[in-house]
Each structure stands twice: as C-alpha cells, then as structure tokens.
Amino acid sequence: MRINPDSVFARSSIESRNSVLTKPSHAPTSTFADVLRETAPKSPALSEPARLEERAQGRRRSLDVAKANPEEGQKIAHGYAFNYLAHALLDVSDRPNIRYSGTGELVTPKTEAYFAKISQEMQRQCANLYRQERKKDTAPDQILEKIFEFHDSMPKKFQDMLGL
C-alpha cells in the first residue's frame, strides 16, 4: 500500500475554496515497510555466545548496583520478580508476519497461548521466590542471584520467546 500524499496534507479553508493544495516538493512515496527496512540494523543478529555474554554482562551490572546500593537493588529485584516475564520479544520487521525474535517462530494463537500459560506460571513462581527471600531478609543482590538462577531454569523455548 502506498501513502497518498493528498490525504496526508490538510487543506486550509482558503485552499479548499480555491481547490489548491500546497504540497512539499518531496511528497512521501514510500510505504511504512520500506521505511522500516531502510532503518533496520545492517548487522546480523547476535550469535548465541555473544547474546549469552551480553546477558551475563547485564546481570553483572545489576548485581554490582544491588551490592553497592541495596535500596536500588531492592527495586531491581522487585522489577525482575514482578515485571520481567510479561512480554515476549517480537520481530515486526516483516509485517504482517510477526515473529518471536529469539526463535523466528511465527506468532500464532497457539504460541500466544503457550507464552501466556508459561509466563503466568513463571511469574507466579518468581514472585513467590522474591517474597520468601524478603521475609528472610535476604540481601537484594542475593535475591537477584536467585531470580537469575530461576530464570535460567525456565524452559528454553520460553527463554527464547522472551529474548533472553
């Protein structure tokens, strides 16, 4: 579908009476998909070892912050426990096909149901882990370590859907 330049630019009341439409000299002629393709990163996706290293670095940074500032660490642990497993990482670069970025698998009602089911259960278990550790007065960095271990125990397919 092409963008119709006439529908993009509004006419003023004077222009409407005169039936004159002022258009910029560079009226849009590309589709959204064309623009998206042009702005897409040119480098290939991270390899599995690089992705895992990037994940490990992010975890180390979170743990370092939690150790240095327990109050901030508590916020980070809470975020991981209650918000982290809620959304799949999606690739929308090939619309109308929407895929899970980590697997390339098409999003279908079946995969959405799988993700929702596993996400809900994993979120419940992770929140319970967080609450139990808070009751024991476990240090925030140690809570984070346990949450990361829990994340590592999740089904591989689910981790990939999350983009972990």
C-alpha atoms as a PDB file:
ATOM      1  CA  MET A   1       0.000   0.000   0.000  1.00  0.00           C
ATOM      2  CA  ARG A   2       1.362   3.400  -0.962  1.00  0.00           C
ATOM      3  CA  ILE A   3       0.729   6.574   1.024  1.00  0.00           C
ATOM      4  CA  ASN A   4      -1.478   9.005  -0.830  1.00  0.00           C
ATOM      5  CA  PRO A   5       0.190  12.426  -0.480  1.00  0.00           C
ATOM      6  CA  ASP A   6      -3.154  14.174  -0.984  1.00  0.00           C
ATOM      7  CA  SER A   7      -4.559  12.507   2.119  1.00  0.00           C
ATOM      8  CA  VAL A   8      -1.551  13.429   4.234  1.00  0.00           C
ATOM      9  CA  PHE A   9      -1.607  17.191   3.832  1.00  0.00           C
ATOM     10  CA  ALA A  10      -4.610  19.132   5.043  1.00  0.00           C
ATOM     11  CA  ARG A  11      -6.130  21.991   3.143  1.00  0.00           C
ATOM     12  CA  SER A  12      -6.870  25.279   4.810  1.00  0.00           C
ATOM     13  CA  SER A  13     -10.296  26.816   4.368  1.00  0.00           C
ATOM     14  CA  ILE A  14      -8.876  29.238   1.793  1.00  0.00           C
ATOM     15  CA  GLU A  15      -7.150  26.439  -0.072  1.00  0.00           C
ATOM     16  CA  SER A  16     -10.341  24.394  -0.055  1.00  0.00           C
ATOM     17  CA  ARG A  17     -12.281  27.223  -1.664  1.00  0.00           C
ATOM     18  CA  ASN A  18      -9.588  27.680  -4.275  1.00  0.00           C
ATOM     19  CA  SER A  19      -9.095  23.915  -4.673  1.00  0.00           C
ATOM     20  CA  VAL A  20      -5.372  24.474  -4.345  1.00  0.00           C
ATOM     21  CA  LEU A  21      -3.306  22.107  -2.293  1.00  0.00           C
ATOM     22  CA  THR A  22       0.188  23.044  -1.295  1.00  0.00           C
ATOM     23  CA  LYS A  23       2.421  20.005  -1.177  1.00  0.00           C
ATOM     24  CA  PRO A  24       6.032  19.898  -0.185  1.00  0.00           C
ATOM     25  CA  SER A  25       8.381  19.169  -3.040  1.00  0.00           C
ATOM     26  CA  HIS A  26       9.251  15.803  -1.517  1.00  0.00           C
ATOM     27  CA  ALA A  27       5.840  14.176  -1.015  1.00  0.00           C
ATOM     28  CA  PRO A  28       6.005  10.773   0.696  1.00  0.00           C
ATOM     29  CA  THR A  29       6.017   7.897  -1.747  1.00  0.00           C
ATOM     30  CA  SER A  30       7.333   5.021   0.330  1.00  0.00           C
ATOM     31  CA  THR A  31       5.416   2.557   2.424  1.00  0.00           C
ATOM     32  CA  PHE A  32       5.946   2.043   6.102  1.00  0.00           C
ATOM     33  CA  ALA A  33       7.550  -1.314   5.349  1.00  0.00           C
ATOM     34  CA  ASP A  34      10.075   0.418   3.035  1.00  0.00           C
ATOM     35  CA  VAL A  35      10.990   2.898   5.754  1.00  0.00           C
ATOM     36  CA  LEU A  36      11.280   0.130   8.326  1.00  0.00           C
ATOM     37  CA  ARG A  37      13.579  -1.896   6.062  1.00  0.00           C
ATOM     38  CA  GLU A  38      15.782   1.146   5.442  1.00  0.00           C
ATOM     39  CA  THR A  39      16.191   1.834   9.146  1.00  0.00           C
ATOM     40  CA  ALA A  40      16.726  -1.789  10.158  1.00  0.00           C
ATOM     41  CA  PRO A  41      20.154  -2.577  11.537  1.00  0.00           C
ATOM     42  CA  LYS A  42      22.515  -3.762   8.844  1.00  0.00           C
ATOM     43  CA  SER A  43      24.487  -6.052  11.126  1.00  0.00           C
ATOM     44  CA  PRO A  44      23.332  -9.619  11.681  1.00  0.00           C
ATOM     45  CA  ALA A  45      21.674 -10.687  14.926  1.00  0.00           C
ATOM     46  CA  LEU A  46      23.969 -11.573  17.783  1.00  0.00           C
ATOM     47  CA  SER A  47      25.333 -15.077  17.781  1.00  0.00           C
ATOM     48  CA  GLU A  48      24.262 -17.339  20.649  1.00  0.00           C
ATOM     49  CA  PRO A  49      27.595 -16.947  22.536  1.00  0.00           C
ATOM     50  CA  ALA A  50      27.540 -13.163  22.058  1.00  0.00           C
ATOM     51  CA  ARG A  51      23.916 -12.971  23.210  1.00  0.00           C
ATOM     52  CA  LEU A  52      24.704 -15.012  26.309  1.00  0.00           C
ATOM     53  CA  GLU A  53      27.735 -12.843  27.080  1.00  0.00           C
ATOM     54  CA  GLU A  54      25.642  -9.686  26.704  1.00  0.00           C
ATOM     55  CA  ARG A  55      23.047 -11.183  29.060  1.00  0.00           C
ATOM     56  CA  ALA A  56      25.760 -12.088  31.593  1.00  0.00           C
ATOM     57  CA  GLN A  57      27.178  -8.561  31.457  1.00  0.00           C
ATOM     58  CA  GLY A  58      23.739  -7.088  32.100  1.00  0.00           C
ATOM     59  CA  ARG A  59      23.273  -9.379  35.054  1.00  0.00           C
ATOM     60  CA  ARG A  60      26.709  -8.459  36.452  1.00  0.00           C
ATOM     61  CA  ARG A  61      25.848  -4.762  36.180  1.00  0.00           C
ATOM     62  CA  SER A  62      22.544  -5.327  38.020  1.00  0.00           C
ATOM     63  CA  LEU A  63      24.311  -7.300  40.748  1.00  0.00           C
ATOM     64  CA  ASP A  64      27.017  -4.638  41.101  1.00  0.00           C
ATOM     65  CA  VAL A  65      24.373  -1.949  41.555  1.00  0.00           C
ATOM     66  CA  ALA A  66      22.480  -4.105  44.057  1.00  0.00           C
ATOM     67  CA  LYS A  67      25.645  -4.669  46.099  1.00  0.00           C
ATOM     68  CA  ALA A  68      26.648  -1.011  46.038  1.00  0.00           C
ATOM     69  CA  ASN A  69      23.173   0.355  46.756  1.00  0.00           C
ATOM     70  CA  PRO A  70      20.812  -2.091  48.496  1.00  0.00           C
ATOM     71  CA  GLU A  71      17.835   0.265  48.152  1.00  0.00           C
ATOM     72  CA  GLU A  72      18.291   0.400  44.393  1.00  0.00           C
ATOM     73  CA  GLY A  73      18.999  -3.337  44.393  1.00  0.00           C
ATOM     74  CA  GLN A  74      15.633  -3.904  46.037  1.00  0.00           C
ATOM     75  CA  LYS A  75      13.934  -2.009  43.200  1.00  0.00           C
ATOM     76  CA  ILE A  76      15.832  -4.007  40.586  1.00  0.00           C
ATOM     77  CA  ALA A  77      14.968  -7.322  42.256  1.00  0.00           C
ATOM     78  CA  HIS A  78      11.316  -6.296  42.527  1.00  0.00           C
ATOM     79  CA  GLY A  79      11.275  -5.394  38.835  1.00  0.00           C
ATOM     80  CA  TYR A  80      12.765  -8.719  37.819  1.00  0.00           C
ATOM     81  CA  ALA A  81      10.356 -10.589  40.097  1.00  0.00           C
ATOM     82  CA  PHE A  82       7.139  -8.883  39.036  1.00  0.00           C
ATOM     83  CA  ASN A  83       7.591  -7.340  35.581  1.00  0.00           C
ATOM     84  CA  TYR A  84      10.323  -9.138  33.668  1.00  0.00           C
ATOM     85  CA  LEU A  85       8.436 -12.138  32.310  1.00  0.00           C
ATOM     86  CA  ALA A  86       5.409 -10.296  30.992  1.00  0.00           C
ATOM     87  CA  HIS A  87       6.248  -9.649  27.344  1.00  0.00           C
ATOM     88  CA  ALA A  88       7.741 -11.625  24.510  1.00  0.00           C
ATOM     89  CA  LEU A  89      10.383 -10.001  22.336  1.00  0.00           C
ATOM     90  CA  LEU A  90       8.764  -9.666  18.926  1.00  0.00           C
ATOM     91  CA  ASP A  91      10.106  -9.010  15.442  1.00  0.00           C
ATOM     92  CA  VAL A  92       7.687  -6.888  13.404  1.00  0.00           C
ATOM     93  CA  SER A  93      10.058  -6.150  10.505  1.00  0.00           C
ATOM     94  CA  ASP A  94       8.219  -8.487   8.121  1.00  0.00           C
ATOM     95  CA  ARG A  95       4.651  -7.296   8.568  1.00  0.00           C
ATOM     96  CA  PRO A  96       2.074  -8.757   8.514  1.00  0.00           C
ATOM     97  CA  ASN A  97       4.194 -11.670   9.764  1.00  0.00           C
ATOM     98  CA  ILE A  98       5.067 -11.178  13.419  1.00  0.00           C
ATOM     99  CA  ARG A  99       7.697 -13.488  14.843  1.00  0.00           C
ATOM    100  CA  TYR A 100       9.393 -14.176  18.140  1.00  0.00           C
ATOM    101  CA  SER A 101      12.791 -12.511  17.835  1.00  0.00           C
ATOM    102  CA  GLY A 102      14.679 -15.251  19.644  1.00  0.00           C
ATOM    103  CA  THR A 103      13.284 -18.136  17.603  1.00  0.00           C
ATOM    104  CA  GLY A 104      11.974 -16.682  14.348  1.00  0.00           C
ATOM    105  CA  GLU A 105       8.777 -18.625  15.002  1.00  0.00           C
ATOM    106  CA  LEU A 106       5.554 -17.019  13.794  1.00  0.00           C
ATOM    107  CA  VAL A 107       3.247 -15.656  16.476  1.00  0.00           C
ATOM    108  CA  THR A 108       0.061 -17.726  16.307  1.00  0.00           C
ATOM    109  CA  PRO A 109      -2.844 -18.239  18.683  1.00  0.00           C
ATOM    110  CA  LYS A 110      -1.167 -21.494  19.758  1.00  0.00           C
ATOM    111  CA  THR A 111       2.213 -19.867  20.525  1.00  0.00           C
ATOM    112  CA  GLU A 112       0.494 -16.939  22.248  1.00  0.00           C
ATOM    113  CA  ALA A 113      -1.432 -19.388  24.460  1.00  0.00           C
ATOM    114  CA  TYR A 114       1.809 -21.236  25.287  1.00  0.00           C
ATOM    115  CA  PHE A 115       3.571 -17.987  26.151  1.00  0.00           C
ATOM    116  CA  ALA A 116       0.672 -16.746  28.298  1.00  0.00           C
ATOM    117  CA  LYS A 117       0.434 -20.039  30.207  1.00  0.00           C
ATOM    118  CA  ILE A 118       4.161 -20.348  30.897  1.00  0.00           C
ATOM    119  CA  SER A 119       4.542 -16.637  31.610  1.00  0.00           C
ATOM    120  CA  GLN A 120       1.787 -16.676  34.193  1.00  0.00           C
ATOM    121  CA  GLU A 121       3.227 -19.696  35.991  1.00  0.00           C
ATOM    122  CA  MET A 122       6.827 -18.458  35.857  1.00  0.00           C
ATOM    123  CA  GLN A 123       5.744 -15.006  37.065  1.00  0.00           C
ATOM    124  CA  ARG A 124       3.862 -16.590  39.989  1.00  0.00           C
ATOM    125  CA  GLN A 125       6.848 -18.727  40.989  1.00  0.00           C
ATOM    126  CA  CYS A 126       9.312 -15.847  40.646  1.00  0.00           C
ATOM    127  CA  ALA A 127       7.105 -13.536  42.743  1.00  0.00           C
ATOM    128  CA  ASN A 128       6.826 -16.225  45.435  1.00  0.00           C
ATOM    129  CA  LEU A 129      10.607 -16.646  45.444  1.00  0.00           C
ATOM    130  CA  TYR A 130      11.029 -12.883  45.869  1.00  0.00           C
ATOM    131  CA  ARG A 131       8.504 -12.718  48.717  1.00  0.00           C
ATOM    132  CA  GLN A 132      10.080 -15.674  50.538  1.00  0.00           C
ATOM    133  CA  GLU A 133      13.538 -14.141  50.313  1.00  0.00           C
ATOM    134  CA  ARG A 134      12.269 -10.751  51.503  1.00  0.00           C
ATOM    135  CA  LYS A 135      10.691 -12.428  54.557  1.00  0.00           C
ATOM    136  CA  LYS A 136      14.105 -13.965  55.352  1.00  0.00           C
ATOM    137  CA  ASP A 137      15.756 -10.509  54.973  1.00  0.00           C
ATOM    138  CA  THR A 138      17.972 -11.823  52.193  1.00  0.00           C
ATOM    139  CA  ALA A 139      20.236  -9.133  50.724  1.00  0.00           C
ATOM    140  CA  PRO A 140      18.964  -7.679  47.410  1.00  0.00           C
ATOM    141  CA  ASP A 141      21.984  -8.881  45.435  1.00  0.00           C
ATOM    142  CA  GLN A 142      21.428 -12.423  46.720  1.00  0.00           C
ATOM    143  CA  ILE A 143      17.731 -12.201  45.798  1.00  0.00           C
ATOM    144  CA  LEU A 144      18.780 -11.133  42.306  1.00  0.00           C
ATOM    145  CA  GLU A 145      21.160 -14.076  42.022  1.00  0.00           C
ATOM    146  CA  LYS A 146      18.329 -16.443  42.962  1.00  0.00           C
ATOM    147  CA  ILE A 147      15.985 -14.792  40.468  1.00  0.00           C
ATOM    148  CA  PHE A 148      18.621 -15.148  37.733  1.00  0.00           C
ATOM    149  CA  GLU A 149      19.052 -18.825  38.626  1.00  0.00           C
ATOM    150  CA  PHE A 150      15.289 -19.225  38.444  1.00  0.00           C
ATOM    151  CA  HIS A 151      15.235 -17.572  35.012  1.00  0.00           C
ATOM    152  CA  ASP A 152      17.917 -19.997  33.859  1.00  0.00           C
ATOM    153  CA  SER A 153      15.687 -22.913  34.919  1.00  0.00           C
ATOM    154  CA  MET A 154      12.789 -21.805  32.718  1.00  0.00           C
ATOM    155  CA  PRO A 155      12.022 -23.791  29.538  1.00  0.00           C
ATOM    156  CA  LYS A 156      14.469 -22.920  26.747  1.00  0.00           C
ATOM    157  CA  LYS A 157      11.638 -22.183  24.308  1.00  0.00           C
ATOM    158  CA  PHE A 158      10.138 -19.674  26.758  1.00  0.00           C
ATOM    159  CA  GLN A 159      13.531 -18.031  27.338  1.00  0.00           C
ATOM    160  CA  ASP A 160      13.934 -17.655  23.577  1.00  0.00           C
ATOM    161  CA  MET A 161      10.472 -16.116  23.275  1.00  0.00           C
ATOM    162  CA  LEU A 162      11.474 -13.578  25.924  1.00  0.00           C
ATOM    163  CA  GLY A 163      14.666 -12.853  24.029  1.00  0.00           C
ATOM    164  CA  LEU A 164      16.889 -13.983  26.901  1.00  0.00           C
END
